[in-house]
């Protein structure tokens, strides 16, 4: 078929072949992306580069390279390389009316539109924005061939869904890929992998918290790499959702009792229960906050009633070593 195609081109017979048939013949000749056609001096004859994958999405175009553009001995790596080379071909871009600015200047790859952009283009008949992030499936293929490929681009939510704040699949993919990608412990690649994992975990936890899925948000935050950041993030979730928290949360994730008590104490203070808030802060080992509540809300009432016994009992529960300026802030003679 290759010889037949070359004869047609040499004799300029291909200009009389219907465009659809021409693409089929070019494909059978092993041209999975484009094929050269003859040039005619007659402007009435349709000539030019044959775009074999015209009107096909990137998956079908990739399949053409897989079945027709490569031999059975070629690896997936080879297929991906040839597909990327074809997509980045300036002549092919010109045939399709696509600007080469759609290719990331920092990357040698052209990024075909993700599935939702292609669906919108088909349904609404408009041209997608030339700067596309690409499809996660294609990024995964590239990553399987080269583990140094950009993981942040692979896990970009906009490569999966039209919602830039939807990190559901991004987080699931990261948890799988992070166990498969192995880098030296102190290498920049490992540091970037950890940084990206923390970023995705925090973003996904915020999404879950916004959806009132508190248990799931805490579970995701437990994957943060830094213990201090992990503790602060989980305590923040508990503080913001204390009214929805029960013993189930503490026991399920084996959270420190002090964290839960501090969150409940903040809620009690907001609800006007100063006594309950003080007791909960003491339980949370936050005696400074508890003492501040006692001085601001409880002491004035006891002083007005001249109830020295209750006043003394109030401050007996505090540890003087944990209270600044104890002689003037809590010591009762």
Protein backbone atom coordinates (compact mmCIF):
# COMPACT_ATOMS: atom_id res chain seq x y z
CA UNK A 1 0.00 0.00 0.00
CA UNK A 2 2.96 2.29 0.61
CA UNK A 3 4.16 1.77 -2.97
CA UNK A 4 0.66 2.34 -4.33
CA UNK A 5 0.33 5.59 -2.39
CA UNK A 6 3.69 6.83 -3.68
CA UNK A 7 2.65 6.04 -7.26
CA UNK A 8 -0.60 8.00 -6.85
CA UNK A 9 1.29 10.97 -5.44
CA UNK A 10 3.95 10.82 -8.15
CA UNK A 11 1.35 10.69 -10.92
CA UNK A 12 -0.89 13.24 -9.16
CA UNK A 13 -3.73 10.75 -9.23
CA UNK A 14 -4.47 11.27 -5.53
CA UNK A 15 -6.07 14.64 -6.26
CA UNK A 16 -9.01 12.80 -7.81
CA UNK A 17 -9.60 10.63 -4.74
CA UNK A 18 -12.31 11.65 -2.30
CA UNK A 19 -10.90 13.09 0.94
CA UNK A 20 -12.39 10.38 3.17
CA UNK A 21 -11.04 7.59 0.97
CA UNK A 22 -7.73 9.41 0.79
CA UNK A 23 -7.39 9.33 4.59
CA UNK A 24 -8.15 5.58 4.63
CA UNK A 25 -5.54 4.85 1.95
CA UNK A 26 -2.98 7.02 3.75
CA UNK A 27 -3.67 5.19 7.00
CA UNK A 28 -3.28 1.78 5.35
CA UNK A 29 0.04 3.03 4.00
CA UNK A 30 1.23 3.50 7.59
CA UNK A 31 0.62 7.25 7.91
CA UNK A 32 -1.11 7.53 11.26
CA UNK A 33 -1.05 11.31 11.43
CA UNK A 34 -0.40 13.03 8.09
CA UNK A 35 0.53 12.01 4.58
CA UNK A 36 2.10 13.91 1.74
CA UNK A 37 -0.08 14.43 -1.32
CA UNK A 38 0.77 15.66 -4.80
CA UNK A 39 0.77 19.28 -5.82
CA UNK A 40 -1.22 20.35 -8.84
CA UNK A 41 -1.07 23.49 -10.91
CA UNK A 42 -4.83 23.36 -11.29
CA UNK A 43 -6.38 25.43 -8.44
CA UNK A 44 -9.66 23.54 -8.89
CA UNK A 45 -8.05 20.35 -7.63
CA UNK A 46 -7.88 19.78 -3.87
CA UNK A 47 -4.30 19.15 -2.86
CA UNK A 48 -2.25 19.52 0.28
CA UNK A 49 -1.28 17.63 3.37
CA UNK A 50 -3.67 14.79 4.25
CA UNK A 51 -4.81 14.94 7.87
CA UNK A 52 -5.50 11.29 8.63
CA UNK A 53 -6.93 11.91 12.10
CA UNK A 54 -9.28 14.73 11.10
CA UNK A 55 -12.33 15.02 13.42
CA UNK A 56 -10.97 12.32 15.75
CA UNK A 57 -10.36 12.84 19.44
CA UNK A 58 -6.88 12.21 20.84
CA UNK A 59 -7.72 8.69 22.06
CA UNK A 60 -8.72 7.53 18.59
CA UNK A 61 -5.72 9.34 17.13
CA UNK A 62 -3.47 7.54 19.62
CA UNK A 63 -5.08 4.24 18.61
CA UNK A 64 -4.19 4.95 14.98
CA UNK A 65 -0.54 5.32 15.96
CA UNK A 66 -0.78 2.19 18.10
CA UNK A 67 -2.24 -0.04 15.37
CA UNK A 68 -1.08 1.50 12.11
CA UNK A 69 1.86 3.80 12.85
CA UNK A 70 4.03 1.36 14.81
CA UNK A 71 5.11 -2.23 14.51
CA UNK A 72 4.08 -5.01 16.88
CA UNK A 73 7.55 -4.97 18.46
CA UNK A 74 7.35 -1.29 19.42
CA UNK A 75 6.77 -0.46 23.07
CA UNK A 76 4.11 1.87 24.44
CA UNK A 77 6.93 4.34 25.05
CA UNK A 78 7.62 4.44 21.30
CA UNK A 79 3.94 4.92 20.49
CA UNK A 80 3.65 7.81 22.95
CA UNK A 81 6.77 9.47 21.52
CA UNK A 82 5.49 9.24 17.94
CA UNK A 83 2.08 10.51 18.96
CA UNK A 84 3.61 13.53 20.72
CA UNK A 85 5.86 14.25 17.75
CA UNK A 86 2.85 14.17 15.42
CA UNK A 87 0.78 16.43 17.68
CA UNK A 88 3.57 18.99 17.89
CA UNK A 89 4.13 19.07 14.11
CA UNK A 90 3.77 22.70 12.90
CA UNK A 91 2.49 21.61 9.48
CA UNK A 92 -0.24 19.53 11.07
CA UNK A 93 -1.18 22.45 13.29
CA UNK A 94 -1.47 24.68 10.24
CA UNK A 95 -3.74 22.16 8.48
CA UNK A 96 -6.05 22.08 11.49
CA UNK A 97 -5.98 25.85 11.93
CA UNK A 98 -4.49 25.46 15.40
CA UNK A 99 -2.04 28.03 16.68
CA UNK A 100 1.27 26.66 17.90
CA UNK A 101 0.91 28.91 20.95
CA UNK A 102 -1.38 26.21 22.27
CA UNK A 103 1.74 24.19 22.99
CA UNK A 104 3.29 24.99 26.36
CA UNK A 105 6.54 26.83 25.72
CA UNK A 106 8.08 25.04 28.70
CA UNK A 107 7.11 21.62 27.35
CA UNK A 108 7.82 19.87 24.05
CA UNK A 109 4.33 18.36 24.06
CA UNK A 110 1.07 19.49 22.56
CA UNK A 111 -1.79 18.85 24.95
CA UNK A 112 -5.05 17.65 23.38
CA UNK A 113 -8.18 18.85 25.12
CA UNK A 114 -9.58 16.82 28.03
CA UNK A 115 -12.84 14.97 27.53
CA UNK A 116 -15.15 17.70 28.85
CA UNK A 117 -13.68 20.38 26.54
CA UNK A 118 -14.08 18.08 23.55
CA UNK A 119 -17.69 17.37 24.54
CA UNK A 120 -18.46 21.09 24.89
CA UNK A 121 -16.88 21.80 21.52
CA UNK A 122 -18.98 19.11 19.87
CA UNK A 123 -22.23 20.11 21.57
CA UNK A 124 -21.89 23.88 21.34
CA UNK A 125 -19.82 24.20 18.19
CA UNK A 126 -17.22 26.54 19.65
CA UNK A 127 -13.44 26.34 19.55
CA UNK A 128 -11.73 25.54 22.86
CA UNK A 129 -9.20 27.92 24.36
CA UNK A 130 -5.85 27.39 22.64
CA UNK A 131 -4.02 26.97 25.97
CA UNK A 132 -5.07 23.52 27.17
CA UNK A 133 -3.73 21.58 30.12
CA UNK A 134 -4.34 18.25 28.42
CA UNK A 135 -6.03 15.03 29.44
CA UNK A 136 -4.97 13.12 32.56
CA UNK A 137 -5.09 9.82 30.66
CA UNK A 138 -2.49 11.05 28.20
CA UNK A 139 -0.38 12.47 31.04
CA UNK A 140 -0.49 9.06 32.74
CA UNK A 141 0.76 7.43 29.55
CA UNK A 142 3.66 9.88 29.41
CA UNK A 143 4.37 9.35 33.11
CA UNK A 144 4.49 5.59 32.61
CA UNK A 145 7.23 6.13 30.04
CA UNK A 146 9.17 8.74 32.01
CA UNK A 147 8.79 9.00 35.79
CA UNK A 148 10.37 12.47 35.72
CA UNK A 149 7.34 13.74 33.77
CA UNK A 150 5.41 16.52 35.51
CA UNK A 151 3.24 14.97 38.21
CA UNK A 152 1.60 18.31 38.99
CA UNK A 153 0.36 18.54 35.41
CA UNK A 154 -0.82 14.93 35.52
CA UNK A 155 -2.89 15.55 38.67
CA UNK A 156 -4.24 18.97 37.71
CA UNK A 157 -8.02 18.85 38.38
CA UNK A 158 -8.70 20.70 35.12
CA UNK A 159 -7.21 17.75 33.25
CA UNK A 160 -9.96 15.58 34.74
CA UNK A 161 -12.98 17.76 35.43
CA UNK A 162 -14.22 21.26 34.52
CA UNK A 163 -14.24 22.10 38.25
CA UNK A 164 -10.82 23.46 39.22
CA UNK A 165 -11.58 22.81 42.92
CA UNK A 166 -12.58 19.16 42.53
CA UNK A 167 -9.62 17.20 43.90
CA UNK A 168 -11.36 13.86 44.38
CA UNK A 169 -9.70 11.90 41.59
CA UNK A 170 -6.47 13.89 41.89
CA UNK A 171 -6.03 12.72 45.47
CA UNK A 172 -6.93 9.12 44.67
CA UNK A 173 -4.44 9.08 41.80
CA UNK A 174 -1.74 10.61 43.97
CA UNK A 175 -2.13 7.98 46.69
CA UNK A 176 -1.60 5.28 44.05
CA UNK A 177 1.21 6.98 42.12
CA UNK A 178 3.15 7.99 45.24
CA UNK A 179 3.61 4.32 46.10
CA UNK A 180 4.88 3.54 42.60
CA UNK A 181 7.26 6.45 42.13
CA UNK A 182 10.48 5.94 44.05
CA UNK A 183 13.08 8.72 44.34
CA UNK A 184 16.11 9.13 46.62
CA UNK A 185 14.97 10.45 49.99
CA UNK A 186 16.77 13.81 49.81
CA UNK A 187 16.35 14.36 46.08
CA UNK A 188 14.49 17.37 44.61
CA UNK A 189 12.07 14.94 42.93
CA UNK A 190 11.09 13.41 46.27
CA UNK A 191 10.69 16.86 47.84
CA UNK A 192 8.41 17.92 44.97
CA UNK A 193 6.41 14.69 45.31
CA UNK A 194 5.83 15.34 49.02
CA UNK A 195 5.00 19.01 48.43
CA UNK A 196 2.45 18.13 45.76
CA UNK A 197 0.89 15.47 47.99
CA UNK A 198 0.45 17.96 50.84
CA UNK A 199 -1.06 20.55 48.50
CA UNK A 200 -3.58 18.06 47.10
CA UNK A 201 -4.43 16.73 50.57
CA UNK A 202 -5.16 20.21 51.96
CA UNK A 203 -7.21 21.18 48.91
CA UNK A 204 -9.23 17.96 48.99
CA UNK A 205 -9.81 18.26 52.75
CA UNK A 206 -11.20 21.77 52.25
CA UNK A 207 -13.53 20.41 49.57
CA UNK A 208 -14.74 17.65 51.90
CA UNK A 209 -15.18 20.04 54.81
CA UNK A 210 -17.22 22.37 52.64
CA UNK A 211 -19.45 19.38 51.88
CA UNK A 212 -19.86 18.65 55.60
CA UNK A 213 -17.85 15.41 55.29
CA UNK A 214 -15.81 16.00 58.42
CA UNK A 215 -14.66 12.42 59.00
CA UNK A 216 -13.37 12.16 55.45
CA UNK A 217 -11.61 15.54 55.69
CA UNK A 218 -9.73 14.43 58.81
CA UNK A 219 -8.79 11.15 57.13
CA UNK A 220 -7.26 13.03 54.19
CA UNK A 221 -5.38 15.45 56.47
CA UNK A 222 -3.80 12.51 58.28
CA UNK A 223 -1.77 12.00 55.09
CA UNK A 224 0.10 15.31 55.50
CA UNK A 225 3.83 14.72 55.74
CA UNK A 226 4.74 17.30 58.39
CA UNK A 227 3.51 16.40 61.92
CA UNK A 228 3.14 20.03 63.01
CA UNK A 229 1.17 21.02 59.91
CA UNK A 230 -0.92 17.85 60.21
CA UNK A 231 -1.84 18.60 63.83
CA UNK A 232 -2.65 22.25 63.07
CA UNK A 233 -4.83 21.34 60.07
CA UNK A 234 -6.82 18.70 61.96
CA UNK A 235 -7.32 20.98 64.97
CA UNK A 236 -8.55 23.68 62.59
CA UNK A 237 -11.18 21.31 61.18
CA UNK A 238 -12.27 20.36 64.71
CA UNK A 239 -12.54 24.02 65.74
CA UNK A 240 -14.64 24.97 62.73
CA UNK A 241 -16.98 21.99 63.11
CA UNK A 242 -17.20 21.47 66.86
CA UNK A 243 -21.01 21.34 66.78
CA UNK A 244 -20.83 18.28 64.50
CA UNK A 245 -18.16 16.49 66.50
CA UNK A 246 -18.80 13.58 68.84
CA UNK A 247 -16.77 10.86 70.54
CA UNK A 248 -16.96 8.81 67.36
CA UNK A 249 -14.53 11.17 65.61
CA UNK A 250 -12.01 11.00 68.43
CA UNK A 251 -12.06 7.22 68.75
CA UNK A 252 -12.14 6.52 65.01
CA UNK A 253 -8.96 8.46 64.30
CA UNK A 254 -7.39 8.09 67.76
CA UNK A 255 -7.17 11.86 68.15
CA UNK A 256 -5.75 13.37 71.35
CA UNK A 257 -8.51 14.14 73.83
CA UNK A 258 -7.08 17.63 74.29
CA UNK A 259 -7.81 18.55 70.65
CA UNK A 260 -11.47 17.64 70.92
CA UNK A 261 -11.84 19.34 74.31
CA UNK A 262 -10.33 22.57 72.96
CA UNK A 263 -12.75 22.57 70.02
CA UNK A 264 -15.73 21.99 72.31
CA UNK A 265 -14.43 24.68 74.65
CA UNK A 266 -14.36 27.24 71.84
CA UNK A 267 -17.95 26.28 70.94
CA UNK A 268 -19.10 26.59 74.57
CA UNK A 269 -17.52 30.05 74.82
CA UNK A 270 -19.30 31.10 71.63
CA UNK A 271 -22.60 29.80 73.00
CA UNK A 272 -22.16 31.80 76.23
CA UNK A 273 -21.42 28.86 78.55
CA UNK A 274 -18.37 30.28 80.32
CA UNK A 275 -18.25 27.64 83.05
CA UNK A 276 -18.36 24.80 80.53
CA UNK A 277 -15.81 26.52 78.32
CA UNK A 278 -13.39 26.97 81.24
CA UNK A 279 -13.71 23.31 82.24
CA UNK A 280 -13.17 22.13 78.68
CA UNK A 281 -10.11 24.33 78.23
CA UNK A 282 -8.65 22.94 81.44
CA UNK A 283 -9.29 19.44 80.11
CA UNK A 284 -7.54 20.48 76.90
CA UNK A 285 -4.52 21.64 78.95
CA UNK A 286 -5.14 25.21 77.78
CA UNK A 287 -5.07 26.73 81.23
CA UNK A 288 -4.22 30.23 80.02
CA UNK A 289 -7.43 30.41 77.99
CA UNK A 290 -9.38 28.91 80.88
CA UNK A 291 -7.95 31.47 83.30
CA UNK A 292 -8.77 34.32 80.92
CA UNK A 293 -12.40 33.13 80.76
CA UNK A 294 -12.57 32.85 84.54
CA UNK A 295 -11.21 36.36 85.08
CA UNK A 296 -13.34 37.97 82.37
CA UNK A 297 -16.67 36.18 82.91
CA UNK A 298 -16.81 34.48 86.32
CA UNK A 299 -14.70 36.41 88.82
CA UNK A 300 -16.68 39.69 88.61
CA UNK A 301 -19.89 37.90 89.61
CA UNK A 302 -18.27 36.17 92.61
CA UNK A 303 -16.64 39.43 93.72
CA UNK A 304 -19.94 41.31 93.58
CA UNK A 305 -21.59 38.56 95.65
CA UNK A 306 -18.57 38.51 98.00
CA UNK A 307 -18.42 34.74 97.61
CA UNK A 308 -14.77 34.19 98.55
CA UNK A 309 -15.19 30.42 98.94
CA UNK A 310 -16.44 29.96 95.38
CA UNK A 311 -13.72 32.31 94.20
CA UNK A 312 -11.05 30.21 95.89
CA UNK A 313 -12.52 26.97 94.51
CA UNK A 314 -12.55 28.52 91.06
CA UNK A 315 -8.78 28.97 90.98
CA UNK A 316 -7.81 25.78 92.79
CA UNK A 317 -8.13 23.84 89.58
CA UNK A 318 -5.35 25.82 87.88
CA UNK A 319 -1.65 25.00 87.82
CA UNK A 320 0.21 28.20 88.82
CA UNK A 321 3.23 27.21 86.72
CA UNK A 322 1.13 27.41 83.53
CA UNK A 323 -0.39 30.82 84.22
CA UNK A 324 1.53 34.00 83.46
CA UNK A 325 1.51 36.55 86.32
CA UNK A 326 -0.18 34.07 88.62
CA UNK A 327 0.13 36.29 91.75
CA UNK A 328 -2.09 38.95 90.16
CA UNK A 329 -4.17 36.76 87.86
CA UNK A 330 -5.23 33.82 89.99
CA UNK A 331 -3.64 33.59 93.39
CA UNK A 332 -6.33 33.88 96.07
CA UNK A 333 -5.12 34.22 99.69
